[in-house]
């Protein structure tokens, strides 16, 4: 279930904060790779250690 939350949040962030974005899902025999890209404004990298994912 936590994997679905992360994917859902990534999609929501693209829709809310980016002018455009894309998501690719690639499945292999043992893994699923999800790649999310956008051109949103981002945030300063020095804030990254203070961020965390929270379920709502």
N, C-alpha and C. Protein backbone atom coordinates (compact mmCIF):
# COMPACT_ATOMS: atom_id res chain seq x y z
N UNK A 1 0.81 -1.19 0.00
CA UNK A 1 0.00 0.00 0.00
C UNK A 1 0.86 1.26 0.00
N UNK A 2 2.02 1.24 0.67
CA UNK A 2 2.87 2.43 0.70
C UNK A 2 3.41 2.77 -0.69
N UNK A 3 3.61 1.76 -1.53
CA UNK A 3 4.06 2.02 -2.90
C UNK A 3 3.01 2.82 -3.66
N UNK A 4 1.76 2.47 -3.48
CA UNK A 4 0.68 3.20 -4.15
C UNK A 4 0.61 4.64 -3.66
N UNK A 5 0.86 4.87 -2.38
CA UNK A 5 0.85 6.22 -1.84
C UNK A 5 1.95 7.06 -2.48
N UNK A 6 3.14 6.51 -2.61
CA UNK A 6 4.26 7.24 -3.21
C UNK A 6 3.95 7.59 -4.67
N UNK A 7 3.43 6.64 -5.42
CA UNK A 7 3.09 6.89 -6.83
C UNK A 7 1.98 7.93 -6.93
N UNK A 8 0.97 7.81 -6.09
CA UNK A 8 -0.14 8.77 -6.08
C UNK A 8 0.35 10.18 -5.76
N UNK A 9 1.23 10.31 -4.78
CA UNK A 9 1.78 11.62 -4.42
C UNK A 9 2.60 12.21 -5.56
N UNK A 10 3.36 11.38 -6.24
CA UNK A 10 4.16 11.85 -7.37
C UNK A 10 3.26 12.40 -8.48
N UNK A 11 2.19 11.68 -8.77
CA UNK A 11 1.25 12.14 -9.80
C UNK A 11 0.56 13.43 -9.35
N UNK A 12 0.14 13.48 -8.09
CA UNK A 12 -0.51 14.69 -7.56
C UNK A 12 0.42 15.89 -7.63
N UNK A 13 1.70 15.69 -7.31
CA UNK A 13 2.66 16.79 -7.37
C UNK A 13 2.82 17.32 -8.79
N UNK A 14 2.84 16.44 -9.77
CA UNK A 14 2.92 16.89 -11.17
C UNK A 14 1.70 17.73 -11.51
N UNK A 15 0.52 17.23 -11.15
CA UNK A 15 -0.72 17.94 -11.49
C UNK A 15 -0.83 19.29 -10.79
N UNK A 16 -0.37 19.38 -9.56
CA UNK A 16 -0.51 20.61 -8.78
C UNK A 16 0.60 21.62 -9.02
N UNK A 17 1.84 21.15 -9.18
CA UNK A 17 2.98 22.05 -9.10
C UNK A 17 3.81 22.18 -10.38
N UNK A 18 3.63 21.29 -11.32
CA UNK A 18 4.46 21.34 -12.53
C UNK A 18 3.62 21.78 -13.72
N UNK A 19 4.26 22.44 -14.65
CA UNK A 19 3.55 22.82 -15.86
C UNK A 19 3.36 21.61 -16.77
N UNK A 20 4.26 20.69 -16.69
CA UNK A 20 4.11 19.43 -17.42
C UNK A 20 5.00 18.38 -16.77
N UNK A 21 4.68 17.14 -17.02
CA UNK A 21 5.47 16.05 -16.47
C UNK A 21 5.11 14.75 -17.15
N UNK A 22 5.84 13.71 -16.80
CA UNK A 22 5.54 12.39 -17.36
C UNK A 22 5.92 11.32 -16.36
N UNK A 23 5.29 10.18 -16.50
CA UNK A 23 5.57 9.04 -15.66
C UNK A 23 5.72 7.83 -16.54
N UNK A 24 6.76 7.05 -16.28
CA UNK A 24 6.99 5.80 -17.01
C UNK A 24 6.98 4.66 -16.01
N UNK A 25 6.35 3.56 -16.39
CA UNK A 25 6.33 2.36 -15.56
C UNK A 25 6.88 1.22 -16.40
N UNK A 26 7.92 0.58 -15.88
CA UNK A 26 8.56 -0.54 -16.57
C UNK A 26 8.55 -1.73 -15.64
N UNK A 27 8.04 -2.84 -16.13
CA UNK A 27 7.95 -4.06 -15.32
C UNK A 27 8.92 -5.10 -15.86
N UNK A 28 9.66 -5.70 -14.94
CA UNK A 28 10.52 -6.83 -15.30
C UNK A 28 9.99 -8.05 -14.55
N UNK A 29 10.68 -9.16 -14.67
CA UNK A 29 10.25 -10.37 -13.97
C UNK A 29 10.26 -10.19 -12.46
N UNK A 30 11.18 -9.37 -11.94
CA UNK A 30 11.33 -9.26 -10.50
C UNK A 30 11.05 -7.88 -9.92
N UNK A 31 10.87 -6.86 -10.77
CA UNK A 31 10.72 -5.50 -10.27
C UNK A 31 9.77 -4.68 -11.11
N UNK A 32 9.28 -3.62 -10.51
CA UNK A 32 8.55 -2.58 -11.23
C UNK A 32 9.29 -1.28 -10.98
N UNK A 33 9.66 -0.59 -12.04
CA UNK A 33 10.36 0.69 -11.94
C UNK A 33 9.37 1.79 -12.31
N UNK A 34 9.26 2.79 -11.46
CA UNK A 34 8.41 3.94 -11.72
C UNK A 34 9.32 5.16 -11.77
N UNK A 35 9.30 5.87 -12.90
CA UNK A 35 10.12 7.07 -13.08
C UNK A 35 9.17 8.24 -13.30
N UNK A 36 9.31 9.27 -12.48
CA UNK A 36 8.47 10.46 -12.57
C UNK A 36 9.38 11.64 -12.85
N UNK A 37 9.03 12.42 -13.88
CA UNK A 37 9.81 13.59 -14.24
C UNK A 37 8.87 14.77 -14.40
N UNK A 38 9.32 15.95 -13.97
CA UNK A 38 8.52 17.16 -14.18
C UNK A 38 9.43 18.35 -14.32
N UNK A 39 8.85 19.48 -14.69
CA UNK A 39 9.63 20.70 -14.80
C UNK A 39 9.12 21.75 -13.82
N UNK A 40 8.66 21.29 -12.67
CA UNK A 40 8.17 22.19 -11.63
C UNK A 40 9.29 23.00 -11.02
N UNK A 41 8.93 23.95 -10.14
CA UNK A 41 9.93 24.85 -9.57
C UNK A 41 10.88 24.17 -8.59
N UNK A 42 10.50 23.03 -8.05
CA UNK A 42 11.37 22.33 -7.11
C UNK A 42 11.48 23.06 -5.79
N UNK A 43 12.50 22.72 -5.02
CA UNK A 43 12.75 23.36 -3.74
C UNK A 43 14.25 23.34 -3.51
N UNK A 44 14.73 24.24 -2.67
CA UNK A 44 16.19 24.29 -2.42
C UNK A 44 16.71 22.97 -1.87
N UNK A 45 17.80 22.48 -2.43
CA UNK A 45 18.36 21.19 -2.01
C UNK A 45 18.77 21.17 -0.54
N UNK A 46 19.11 22.33 0.02
CA UNK A 46 19.49 22.33 1.43
C UNK A 46 18.30 22.00 2.35
N UNK A 47 17.06 22.09 1.83
CA UNK A 47 15.88 21.72 2.62
C UNK A 47 15.59 20.22 2.56
N UNK A 48 16.21 19.51 1.62
CA UNK A 48 15.93 18.09 1.44
C UNK A 48 16.12 17.25 2.71
N UNK A 49 17.16 17.46 3.50
CA UNK A 49 17.29 16.64 4.71
C UNK A 49 16.13 16.84 5.71
N UNK A 50 15.43 17.97 5.60
CA UNK A 50 14.34 18.26 6.54
C UNK A 50 12.97 17.81 6.03
N UNK A 51 12.90 17.27 4.81
CA UNK A 51 11.62 16.85 4.25
C UNK A 51 11.36 15.38 4.57
N UNK A 52 10.10 15.04 4.61
CA UNK A 52 9.73 13.64 4.82
C UNK A 52 8.36 13.43 4.22
N UNK A 53 8.08 12.19 3.83
CA UNK A 53 6.79 11.85 3.28
C UNK A 53 5.83 11.54 4.41
N UNK A 54 4.67 12.14 4.36
CA UNK A 54 3.66 11.91 5.38
C UNK A 54 2.39 11.42 4.72
N UNK A 55 1.78 10.36 5.24
CA UNK A 55 0.48 9.96 4.73
C UNK A 55 -0.56 10.91 5.29
N UNK A 56 -1.60 11.13 4.52
CA UNK A 56 -2.64 12.08 4.94
C UNK A 56 -3.73 11.40 5.70
